[in-house]
PDB file of N, CA and C in Angstrom:
ATOM      1  N   MET A   1      75.701 -16.069 -34.632  1.00  0.00           N
ATOM      2  CA  MET A   1      75.940 -17.491 -34.507  1.00  0.00           C
ATOM      3  C   MET A   1      75.253 -18.043 -33.258  1.00  0.00           C
ATOM      4  N   ALA A   2      75.395 -17.322 -32.145  1.00  0.00           N
ATOM      5  CA  ALA A   2      74.785 -17.763 -30.887  1.00  0.00           C
ATOM      6  C   ALA A   2      73.263 -17.744 -30.984  1.00  0.00           C
ATOM      7  N   THR A   3      72.711 -16.753 -31.667  1.00  0.00           N
ATOM      8  CA  THR A   3      71.260 -16.675 -31.833  1.00  0.00           C
ATOM      9  C   THR A   3      70.743 -17.845 -32.655  1.00  0.00           C
ATOM     10  N   THR A   4      71.456 -18.215 -33.684  1.00  0.00           N
ATOM     11  CA  THR A   4      71.063 -19.359 -34.516  1.00  0.00           C
ATOM     12  C   THR A   4      71.114 -20.646 -33.699  1.00  0.00           C
ATOM     13  N   ALA A   5      72.167 -20.811 -32.920  1.00  0.00           N
ATOM     14  CA  ALA A   5      72.292 -22.013 -32.084  1.00  0.00           C
ATOM     15  C   ALA A   5      71.165 -22.087 -31.066  1.00  0.00           C
ATOM     16  N   LEU A   6      70.838 -20.971 -30.443  1.00  0.00           N
ATOM     17  CA  LEU A   6      69.732 -20.953 -29.484  1.00  0.00           C
ATOM     18  C   LEU A   6      68.402 -21.241 -30.165  1.00  0.00           C
ATOM     19  N   GLY A   7      68.229 -20.727 -31.377  1.00  0.00           N
ATOM     20  CA  GLY A   7      67.007 -21.011 -32.139  1.00  0.00           C
ATOM     21  C   GLY A   7      66.863 -22.482 -32.448  1.00  0.00           C
ATOM     22  N   VAL A   8      67.962 -23.124 -32.818  1.00  0.00           N
ATOM     23  CA  VAL A   8      67.926 -24.560 -33.116  1.00  0.00           C
ATOM     24  C   VAL A   8      67.620 -25.355 -31.849  1.00  0.00           C
ATOM     25  N   VAL A   9      68.254 -25.013 -30.755  1.00  0.00           N
ATOM     26  CA  VAL A   9      68.009 -25.698 -29.481  1.00  0.00           C
ATOM     27  C   VAL A   9      66.542 -25.539 -29.075  1.00  0.00           C
ATOM     28  N   PHE A  10      66.021 -24.337 -29.205  1.00  0.00           N
ATOM     29  CA  PHE A  10      64.622 -24.084 -28.874  1.00  0.00           C
ATOM     30  C   PHE A  10      63.687 -24.916 -29.749  1.00  0.00           C
ATOM     31  N   ALA A  11      63.969 -25.003 -31.035  1.00  0.00           N
ATOM     32  CA  ALA A  11      63.140 -25.786 -31.943  1.00  0.00           C
ATOM     33  C   ALA A  11      63.164 -27.268 -31.578  1.00  0.00           C
ATOM     34  N   VAL A  12      64.325 -27.785 -31.216  1.00  0.00           N
ATOM     35  CA  VAL A  12      64.436 -29.195 -30.829  1.00  0.00           C
ATOM     36  C   VAL A  12      63.664 -29.463 -29.539  1.00  0.00           C
ATOM     37  N   VAL A  13      63.806 -28.584 -28.572  1.00  0.00           N
ATOM     38  CA  VAL A  13      63.093 -28.751 -27.297  1.00  0.00           C
ATOM     39  C   VAL A  13      61.589 -28.670 -27.525  1.00  0.00           C
ATOM     40  N   LEU A  14      61.145 -27.768 -28.350  1.00  0.00           N
ATOM     41  CA  LEU A  14      59.724 -27.641 -28.666  1.00  0.00           C
ATOM     42  C   LEU A  14      59.203 -28.905 -29.348  1.00  0.00           C
ATOM     43  N   ALA A  15      59.951 -29.441 -30.296  1.00  0.00           N
ATOM     44  CA  ALA A  15      59.535 -30.668 -30.986  1.00  0.00           C
ATOM     45  C   ALA A  15      59.469 -31.842 -30.015  1.00  0.00           C
ATOM     46  N   MET A  16      60.450 -31.941 -29.126  1.00  0.00           N
ATOM     47  CA  MET A  16      60.430 -33.026 -28.144  1.00  0.00           C
ATOM     48  C   MET A  16      59.237 -32.893 -27.209  1.00  0.00           C
ATOM     49  N   GLY A  17      58.896 -31.681 -26.846  1.00  0.00           N
ATOM     50  CA  GLY A  17      57.722 -31.451 -26.001  1.00  0.00           C
ATOM     51  C   GLY A  17      56.438 -31.875 -26.688  1.00  0.00           C
ATOM     52  N   GLN A  18      56.318 -31.567 -27.968  1.00  0.00           N
ATOM     53  CA  GLN A  18      55.129 -31.969 -28.724  1.00  0.00           C
ATOM     54  C   GLN A  18      55.025 -33.485 -28.817  1.00  0.00           C
ATOM     55  N   VAL A  19      56.148 -34.159 -28.995  1.00  0.00           N
ATOM     56  CA  VAL A  19      56.138 -35.620 -29.061  1.00  0.00           C
ATOM     57  C   VAL A  19      55.658 -36.200 -27.735  1.00  0.00           C
ATOM     58  N   VAL A  20      56.161 -35.677 -26.636  1.00  0.00           N
ATOM     59  CA  VAL A  20      55.770 -36.178 -25.319  1.00  0.00           C
ATOM     60  C   VAL A  20      54.283 -35.937 -25.066  1.00  0.00           C
ATOM     61  N   VAL A  21      53.791 -34.759 -25.398  1.00  0.00           N
ATOM     62  CA  VAL A  21      52.377 -34.450 -25.202  1.00  0.00           C
ATOM     63  C   VAL A  21      51.504 -35.367 -26.057  1.00  0.00           C
ATOM     64  N   ALA A  22      51.880 -35.574 -27.299  1.00  0.00           N
ATOM     65  CA  ALA A  22      51.101 -36.450 -28.184  1.00  0.00           C
ATOM     66  C   ALA A  22      51.069 -37.873 -27.656  1.00  0.00           C
ATOM     67  N   ARG A  23      52.186 -38.357 -27.171  1.00  0.00           N
ATOM     68  CA  ARG A  23      52.264 -39.723 -26.638  1.00  0.00           C
ATOM     69  C   ARG A  23      51.407 -39.878 -25.388  1.00  0.00           C
ATOM     70  N   HIS A  24      51.462 -38.909 -24.496  1.00  0.00           N
ATOM     71  CA  HIS A  24      50.666 -38.978 -23.275  1.00  0.00           C
ATOM     72  C   HIS A  24      49.175 -38.864 -23.575  1.00  0.00           C
ATOM     73  N   ARG A  25      48.839 -38.018 -24.519  1.00  0.00           N
ATOM     74  CA  ARG A  25      47.431 -37.869 -24.904  1.00  0.00           C
ATOM     75  C   ARG A  25      46.902 -39.173 -25.493  1.00  0.00           C
ATOM     76  N   ALA A  26      47.676 -39.802 -26.352  1.00  0.00           N
ATOM     77  CA  ALA A  26      47.266 -41.074 -26.950  1.00  0.00           C
ATOM     78  C   ALA A  26      47.203 -42.170 -25.889  1.00  0.00           C
ATOM     79  N   GLY A  27      48.151 -42.180 -24.960  1.00  0.00           N
ATOM     80  CA  GLY A  27      48.153 -43.199 -23.918  1.00  0.00           C
ATOM     81  C   GLY A  27      46.946 -43.107 -23.007  1.00  0.00           C
ATOM     82  N   GLY A  28      46.611 -41.896 -22.601  1.00  0.00           N
ATOM     83  CA  GLY A  28      45.433 -41.713 -21.754  1.00  0.00           C
ATOM     84  C   GLY A  28      44.153 -42.104 -22.462  1.00  0.00           C
ATOM     85  N   ALA A  29      44.030 -41.713 -23.709  1.00  0.00           N
ATOM     86  CA  ALA A  29      42.837 -42.064 -24.478  1.00  0.00           C
ATOM     87  C   ALA A  29      42.753 -43.573 -24.709  1.00  0.00           C
ATOM     88  N   ALA A  30      43.892 -44.219 -24.959  1.00  0.00           N
ATOM     89  CA  ALA A  30      43.894 -45.672 -25.160  1.00  0.00           C
ATOM     90  C   ALA A  30      43.481 -46.389 -23.886  1.00  0.00           C
ATOM     91  N   ASP A  31      43.975 -45.951 -22.744  1.00  0.00           N
ATOM     92  CA  ASP A  31      43.593 -46.568 -21.478  1.00  0.00           C
ATOM     93  C   ASP A  31      42.094 -46.438 -21.226  1.00  0.00           C
ATOM     94  N   LEU A  32      41.564 -45.233 -21.430  1.00  0.00           N
ATOM     95  CA  LEU A  32      40.133 -45.024 -21.200  1.00  0.00           C
ATOM     96  C   LEU A  32      39.280 -45.818 -22.189  1.00  0.00           C
ATOM     97  N   ALA A  33      39.703 -45.877 -23.446  1.00  0.00           N
ATOM     98  CA  ALA A  33      38.950 -46.631 -24.455  1.00  0.00           C
ATOM     99  C   ALA A  33      38.981 -48.129 -24.151  1.00  0.00           C
ATOM    100  N   ALA A  34      40.124 -48.637 -23.698  1.00  0.00           N
ATOM    101  CA  ALA A  34      40.215 -50.057 -23.355  1.00  0.00           C
ATOM    102  C   ALA A  34      39.324 -50.381 -22.161  1.00  0.00           C
ATOM    103  N   LEU A  35      39.280 -49.495 -21.177  1.00  0.00           N
ATOM    104  CA  LEU A  35      38.392 -49.709 -20.031  1.00  0.00           C
ATOM    105  C   LEU A  35      36.925 -49.700 -20.458  1.00  0.00           C
ATOM    106  N   ALA A  36      36.578 -48.789 -21.355  1.00  0.00           N
ATOM    107  CA  ALA A  36      35.198 -48.741 -21.849  1.00  0.00           C
ATOM    108  C   ALA A  36      34.851 -50.009 -22.617  1.00  0.00           C
ATOM    109  N   ALA A  37      35.781 -50.499 -23.420  1.00  0.00           N
ATOM    110  CA  ALA A  37      35.532 -51.731 -24.180  1.00  0.00           C
ATOM    111  C   ALA A  37      35.427 -52.930 -23.247  1.00  0.00           C
ATOM    112  N   ALA A  38      36.283 -52.998 -22.239  1.00  0.00           N
ATOM    113  CA  ALA A  38      36.222 -54.112 -21.293  1.00  0.00           C
ATOM    114  C   ALA A  38      34.917 -54.094 -20.508  1.00  0.00           C
ATOM    115  N   ASP A  39      34.425 -52.893 -20.205  1.00  0.00           N
ATOM    116  CA  ASP A  39      33.158 -52.770 -19.488  1.00  0.00           C
ATOM    117  C   ASP A  39      32.004 -53.325 -20.312  1.00  0.00           C
ATOM    118  N   GLY A  40      32.068 -53.158 -21.628  1.00  0.00           N
ATOM    119  CA  GLY A  40      31.003 -53.648 -22.501  1.00  0.00           C
ATOM    120  C   GLY A  40      31.288 -54.996 -23.133  1.00  0.00           C
ATOM    121  N   ALA A  41      32.299 -55.706 -22.657  1.00  0.00           N
ATOM    122  CA  ALA A  41      32.708 -56.970 -23.284  1.00  0.00           C
ATOM    123  C   ALA A  41      31.604 -58.022 -23.261  1.00  0.00           C
ATOM    124  N   LEU A  42      30.803 -58.041 -22.221  1.00  0.00           N
ATOM    125  CA  LEU A  42      29.751 -59.057 -22.126  1.00  0.00           C
ATOM    126  C   LEU A  42      28.601 -58.787 -23.081  1.00  0.00           C
ATOM    127  N   ARG A  43      28.522 -57.590 -23.619  1.00  0.00           N
ATOM    128  CA  ARG A  43      27.473 -57.250 -24.588  1.00  0.00           C
ATOM    129  C   ARG A  43      27.905 -57.517 -26.026  1.00  0.00           C
ATOM    130  N   GLY A  44      29.132 -57.984 -26.226  1.00  0.00           N
ATOM    131  CA  GLY A  44      29.616 -58.320 -27.564  1.00  0.00           C
ATOM    132  C   GLY A  44      30.633 -57.320 -28.082  1.00  0.00           C
ATOM    133  N   GLN A  45      31.339 -57.754 -29.111  1.00  0.00           N
ATOM    134  CA  GLN A  45      32.429 -56.941 -29.648  1.00  0.00           C
ATOM    135  C   GLN A  45      31.937 -55.651 -30.284  1.00  0.00           C
ATOM    136  N   VAL A  46      30.821 -55.690 -30.975  1.00  0.00           N
ATOM    137  CA  VAL A  46      30.322 -54.487 -31.645  1.00  0.00           C
ATOM    138  C   VAL A  46      30.000 -53.408 -30.622  1.00  0.00           C
ATOM    139  N   GLU A  47      29.296 -53.773 -29.561  1.00  0.00           N
ATOM    140  CA  GLU A  47      28.946 -52.808 -28.518  1.00  0.00           C
ATOM    141  C   GLU A  47      30.187 -52.318 -27.774  1.00  0.00           C
ATOM    142  N   ALA A  48      31.094 -53.234 -27.461  1.00  0.00           N
ATOM    143  CA  ALA A  48      32.307 -52.874 -26.724  1.00  0.00           C
ATOM    144  C   ALA A  48      33.184 -51.930 -27.539  1.00  0.00           C
ATOM    145  N   CYS A  49      33.392 -52.244 -28.790  1.00  0.00           N
ATOM    146  CA  CYS A  49      34.239 -51.391 -29.635  1.00  0.00           C
ATOM    147  C   CYS A  49      33.560 -50.058 -29.950  1.00  0.00           C
ATOM    148  N   GLY A  50      32.232 -50.061 -29.993  1.00  0.00           N
ATOM    149  CA  GLY A  50      31.505 -48.808 -30.161  1.00  0.00           C
ATOM    150  C   GLY A  50      31.703 -47.888 -28.967  1.00  0.00           C
ATOM    151  N   ALA A  51      31.683 -48.470 -27.767  1.00  0.00           N
ATOM    152  CA  ALA A  51      31.930 -47.681 -26.560  1.00  0.00           C
ATOM    153  C   ALA A  51      33.359 -47.139 -26.559  1.00  0.00           C
ATOM    154  N   ALA A  52      34.303 -47.967 -26.981  1.00  0.00           N
ATOM    155  CA  ALA A  52      35.697 -47.525 -27.048  1.00  0.00           C
ATOM    156  C   ALA A  52      35.851 -46.379 -28.040  1.00  0.00           C
ATOM    157  N   ALA A  53      35.184 -46.471 -29.173  1.00  0.00           N
ATOM    158  CA  ALA A  53      35.268 -45.414 -30.193  1.00  0.00           C
ATOM    159  C   ALA A  53      34.660 -44.110 -29.684  1.00  0.00           C
ATOM    160  N   ARG A  54      33.555 -44.194 -28.939  1.00  0.00           N
ATOM    161  CA  ARG A  54      32.933 -42.981 -28.390  1.00  0.00           C
ATOM    162  C   ARG A  54      33.850 -42.310 -27.365  1.00  0.00           C
ATOM    163  N   VAL A  55      34.458 -43.110 -26.513  1.00  0.00           N
ATOM    164  CA  VAL A  55      35.362 -42.559 -25.502  1.00  0.00           C
ATOM    165  C   VAL A  55      36.583 -41.937 -26.169  1.00  0.00           C
ATOM    166  N   ALA A  56      37.158 -42.630 -27.143  1.00  0.00           N
ATOM    167  CA  ALA A  56      38.332 -42.100 -27.841  1.00  0.00           C
ATOM    168  C   ALA A  56      37.988 -40.801 -28.569  1.00  0.00           C
ATOM    169  N   SER A  57      36.829 -40.763 -29.188  1.00  0.00           N
ATOM    170  CA  SER A  57      36.403 -39.561 -29.900  1.00  0.00           C
ATOM    171  C   SER A  57      36.242 -38.384 -28.932  1.00  0.00           C
ATOM    172  N   ALA A  58      35.718 -38.652 -27.752  1.00  0.00           N
ATOM    173  CA  ALA A  58      35.559 -37.596 -26.748  1.00  0.00           C
ATOM    174  C   ALA A  58      36.912 -37.048 -26.295  1.00  0.00           C
ATOM    175  N   GLN A  59      37.962 -37.854 -26.428  1.00  0.00           N
ATOM    176  CA  GLN A  59      39.309 -37.422 -26.054  1.00  0.00           C
ATOM    177  C   GLN A  59      40.054 -36.777 -27.222  1.00  0.00           C
ATOM    178  N   GLY A  60      39.408 -36.680 -28.372  1.00  0.00           N
ATOM    179  CA  GLY A  60      40.044 -36.074 -29.540  1.00  0.00           C
ATOM    180  C   GLY A  60      40.978 -37.030 -30.269  1.00  0.00           C
ATOM    181  N   THR A  61      40.758 -38.318 -30.111  1.00  0.00           N
ATOM    182  CA  THR A  61      41.566 -39.338 -30.779  1.00  0.00           C
ATOM    183  C   THR A  61      40.634 -40.276 -31.529  1.00  0.00           C
ATOM    184  N   ARG A  62      41.220 -41.293 -32.170  1.00  0.00           N
ATOM    185  CA  ARG A  62      40.358 -42.272 -32.842  1.00  0.00           C
ATOM    186  C   ARG A  62      40.918 -43.673 -32.662  1.00  0.00           C
ATOM    187  N   VAL A  63      40.006 -44.635 -32.621  1.00  0.00           N
ATOM    188  CA  VAL A  63      40.390 -46.036 -32.461  1.00  0.00           C
ATOM    189  C   VAL A  63      40.854 -46.568 -33.809  1.00  0.00           C
ATOM    190  N   VAL A  64      42.043 -47.149 -33.820  1.00  0.00           N
ATOM    191  CA  VAL A  64      42.591 -47.743 -35.030  1.00  0.00           C
ATOM    192  C   VAL A  64      42.251 -49.229 -35.070  1.00  0.00           C
ATOM    193  N   ARG A  65      42.303 -49.867 -33.907  1.00  0.00           N
ATOM    194  CA  ARG A  65      42.054 -51.299 -33.816  1.00  0.00           C
ATOM    195  C   ARG A  65      41.385 -51.593 -32.481  1.00  0.00           C
ATOM    196  N   CYS A  66      40.406 -52.480 -32.503  1.00  0.00           N
ATOM    197  CA  CYS A  66      39.711 -52.874 -31.280  1.00  0.00           C
ATOM    198  C   CYS A  66      39.370 -54.354 -31.381  1.00  0.00           C
ATOM    199  N   GLY A  67      39.687 -55.074 -30.338  1.00  0.00           N
ATOM    200  CA  GLY A  67      39.369 -56.501 -30.336  1.00  0.00           C
ATOM    201  C   GLY A  67      39.105 -56.990 -28.929  1.00  0.00           C
ATOM    202  N   LEU A  68      38.354 -58.083 -28.836  1.00  0.00           N
ATOM    203  CA  LEU A  68      38.057 -58.720 -27.560  1.00  0.00           C
ATOM    204  C   LEU A  68      38.540 -60.151 -27.596  1.00  0.00           C
ATOM    205  N   SER A  69      39.082 -60.569 -26.481  1.00  0.00           N
ATOM    206  CA  SER A  69      39.456 -61.966 -26.295  1.00  0.00           C
ATOM    207  C   SER A  69      38.879 -62.363 -24.948  1.00  0.00           C
ATOM    208  N   GLY A  70      37.702 -62.948 -24.985  1.00  0.00           N
ATOM    209  CA  GLY A  70      36.991 -63.209 -23.745  1.00  0.00           C
ATOM    210  C   GLY A  70      36.523 -61.891 -23.160  1.00  0.00           C
ATOM    211  N   GLU A  71      36.956 -61.599 -21.940  1.00  0.00           N
ATOM    212  CA  GLU A  71      36.580 -60.348 -21.289  1.00  0.00           C
ATOM    213  C   GLU A  71      37.689 -59.298 -21.363  1.00  0.00           C
ATOM    214  N   VAL A  72      38.756 -59.617 -22.079  1.00  0.00           N
ATOM    215  CA  VAL A  72      39.895 -58.710 -22.184  1.00  0.00           C
ATOM    216  C   VAL A  72      39.784 -57.902 -23.484  1.00  0.00           C
ATOM    217  N   ALA A  73      39.833 -56.580 -23.344  1.00  0.00           N
ATOM    218  CA  ALA A  73      39.757 -55.688 -24.506  1.00  0.00           C
ATOM    219  C   ALA A  73      41.167 -55.239 -24.885  1.00  0.00           C
ATOM    220  N   ASP A  74      41.431 -55.227 -26.176  1.00  0.00           N
ATOM    221  CA  ASP A  74      42.718 -54.789 -26.713  1.00  0.00           C
ATOM    222  C   ASP A  74      42.429 -53.673 -27.722  1.00  0.00           C
ATOM    223  N   VAL A  75      42.847 -52.454 -27.394  1.00  0.00           N
ATOM    224  CA  VAL A  75      42.486 -51.282 -28.193  1.00  0.00           C
ATOM    225  C   VAL A  75      43.751 -50.529 -28.583  1.00  0.00           C
ATOM    226  N   THR A  76      43.816 -50.094 -29.839  1.00  0.00           N
ATOM    227  CA  THR A  76      44.895 -49.230 -30.307  1.00  0.00           C
ATOM    228  C   THR A  76      44.277 -47.902 -30.729  1.00  0.00           C
ATOM    229  N   VAL A  77      44.858 -46.809 -30.226  1.00  0.00           N
ATOM    230  CA  VAL A  77      44.324 -45.469 -30.463  1.00  0.00           C
ATOM    231  C   VAL A  77      45.390 -44.611 -31.130  1.00  0.00           C
ATOM    232  N   ARG A  78      44.961 -43.744 -32.028  1.00  0.00           N
ATOM    233  CA  ARG A  78      45.864 -42.794 -32.694  1.00  0.00           C
ATOM    234  C   ARG A  78      45.444 -41.372 -32.315  1.00  0.00           C
ATOM    235  N   ALA A  79      46.427 -40.590 -31.893  1.00  0.00           N
ATOM    236  CA  ALA A  79      46.182 -39.194 -31.530  1.00  0.00           C
ATOM    237  C   ALA A  79      47.001 -38.294 -32.442  1.00  0.00           C
ATOM    238  N   ALA A  80      46.376 -37.275 -32.970  1.00  0.00           N
ATOM    239  CA  ALA A  80      47.092 -36.309 -33.807  1.00  0.00           C
ATOM    240  C   ALA A  80      47.350 -35.063 -32.984  1.00  0.00           C
ATOM    241  N   PHE A  81      48.614 -34.676 -32.901  1.00  0.00           N
ATOM    242  CA  PHE A  81      48.998 -33.468 -32.192  1.00  0.00           C
ATOM    243  C   PHE A  81      50.131 -32.831 -32.977  1.00  0.00           C
ATOM    244  N   GLY A  82      49.821 -31.759 -33.651  1.00  0.00           N
ATOM    245  CA  GLY A  82      50.827 -31.151 -34.521  1.00  0.00           C
ATOM    246  C   GLY A  82      51.156 -32.114 -35.649  1.00  0.00           C
ATOM    247  N   PRO A  83      52.416 -32.252 -35.995  1.00  0.00           N
ATOM    248  CA  PRO A  83      52.791 -33.162 -37.081  1.00  0.00           C
ATOM    249  C   PRO A  83      52.939 -34.617 -36.604  1.00  0.00           C
ATOM    250  N   TYR A  84      52.684 -34.892 -35.343  1.00  0.00           N
ATOM    251  CA  TYR A  84      52.908 -36.229 -34.790  1.00  0.00           C
ATOM    252  C   TYR A  84      51.587 -36.966 -34.612  1.00  0.00           C
ATOM    253  N   THR A  85      51.582 -38.243 -34.950  1.00  0.00           N
ATOM    254  CA  THR A  85      50.393 -39.078 -34.783  1.00  0.00           C
ATOM    255  C   THR A  85      50.792 -40.423 -34.178  1.00  0.00           C
ATOM    256  N   PRO A  86      51.076 -40.457 -32.885  1.00  0.00           N
ATOM    257  CA  PRO A  86      51.467 -41.726 -32.272  1.00  0.00           C
ATOM    258  C   PRO A  86      50.270 -42.660 -32.113  1.00  0.00           C
ATOM    259  N   GLU A  87      50.558 -43.948 -32.177  1.00  0.00           N
ATOM    260  CA  GLU A  87      49.571 -44.980 -31.902  1.00  0.00           C
ATOM    261  C   GLU A  87      49.969 -45.677 -30.616  1.00  0.00           C
ATOM    262  N   VAL A  88      48.997 -45.856 -29.726  1.00  0.00           N
ATOM    263  CA  VAL A  88      49.261 -46.484 -28.441  1.00  0.00           C
ATOM    264  C   VAL A  88      48.270 -47.617 -28.243  1.00  0.00           C
ATOM    265  N   ARG A  89      48.773 -48.741 -27.754  1.00  0.00           N
ATOM    266  CA  ARG A  89      47.943 -49.917 -27.511  1.00  0.00           C
ATOM    267  C   ARG A  89      47.708 -50.065 -26.019  1.00  0.00           C
ATOM    268  N   ALA A  90      46.477 -50.407 -25.638  1.00  0.00           N
ATOM    269  CA  ALA A  90      46.148 -50.622 -24.231  1.00  0.00           C
ATOM    270  C   ALA A  90      45.255 -51.849 -24.123  1.00  0.00           C
ATOM    271  N   ARG A  91      45.399 -52.534 -23.017  1.00  0.00           N
ATOM    272  CA  ARG A  91      44.567 -53.716 -22.737  1.00  0.00           C
ATOM    273  C   ARG A  91      43.911 -53.523 -21.387  1.00  0.00           C
ATOM    274  N   ALA A  92      42.683 -54.016 -21.263  1.00  0.00           N
ATOM    275  CA  ALA A  92      41.964 -53.924 -19.999  1.00  0.00           C
ATOM    276  C   ALA A  92      41.043 -55.138 -19.873  1.00  0.00           C
ATOM    277  N   GLY A  93      40.830 -55.535 -18.648  1.00  0.00           N
ATOM    278  CA  GLY A  93      39.937 -56.647 -18.367  1.00  0.00           C
ATOM    279  C   GLY A  93      39.918 -56.927 -16.882  1.00  0.00           C
ATOM    280  N   PRO A  94      39.130 -57.898 -16.475  1.00  0.00           N
ATOM    281  CA  PRO A  94      39.069 -58.213 -15.056  1.00  0.00           C
ATOM    282  C   PRO A  94      40.382 -58.852 -14.562  1.00  0.00           C
ATOM    283  N   PRO A  95      40.666 -58.725 -13.269  1.00  0.00           N
ATOM    284  CA  PRO A  95      41.888 -59.325 -12.742  1.00  0.00           C
ATOM    285  C   PRO A  95      41.864 -60.840 -12.928  1.00  0.00           C
ATOM    286  N   GLY A  96      42.978 -61.367 -13.324  1.00  0.00           N
ATOM    287  CA  GLY A  96      43.083 -62.812 -13.490  1.00  0.00           C
ATOM    288  C   GLY A  96      42.542 -63.355 -14.795  1.00  0.00           C
ATOM    289  N   ALA A  97      41.991 -62.491 -15.650  1.00  0.00           N
ATOM    290  CA  ALA A  97      41.476 -62.937 -16.945  1.00  0.00           C
ATOM    291  C   ALA A  97      42.631 -63.242 -17.881  1.00  0.00           C
ATOM    292  N   VAL A  98      42.530 -64.357 -18.564  1.00  0.00           N
ATOM    293  CA  VAL A  98      43.571 -64.761 -19.499  1.00  0.00           C
ATOM    294  C   VAL A  98      43.005 -64.623 -20.904  1.00  0.00           C
ATOM    295  N   PRO A  99      43.639 -63.810 -21.759  1.00  0.00           N
ATOM    296  CA  PRO A  99      43.109 -63.641 -23.128  1.00  0.00           C
ATOM    297  C   PRO A  99      43.288 -64.895 -23.960  1.00  0.00           C
TER     298      PRO A  99
END
């Protein structure tokens, strides 16, 4: 009985760890992709979103949504880690920019 309980606890802790890792991986990739898109905002949406997709791909994730509002980039990234695929949204742009 005790072995079964410990096995269940271990499985829950392992699953929670995978969720946290997947979320952090997606968050980091979303931040970097949004910065890349904001850097290319003056060259147009196609170029900016292409840069975001390249950065996200290098992080082992993929861009689900990318948009520009002036100089502000809004990017959503999906990361697959085990059975979990969290989506994280990040925004980047110059200080004081209003989308």
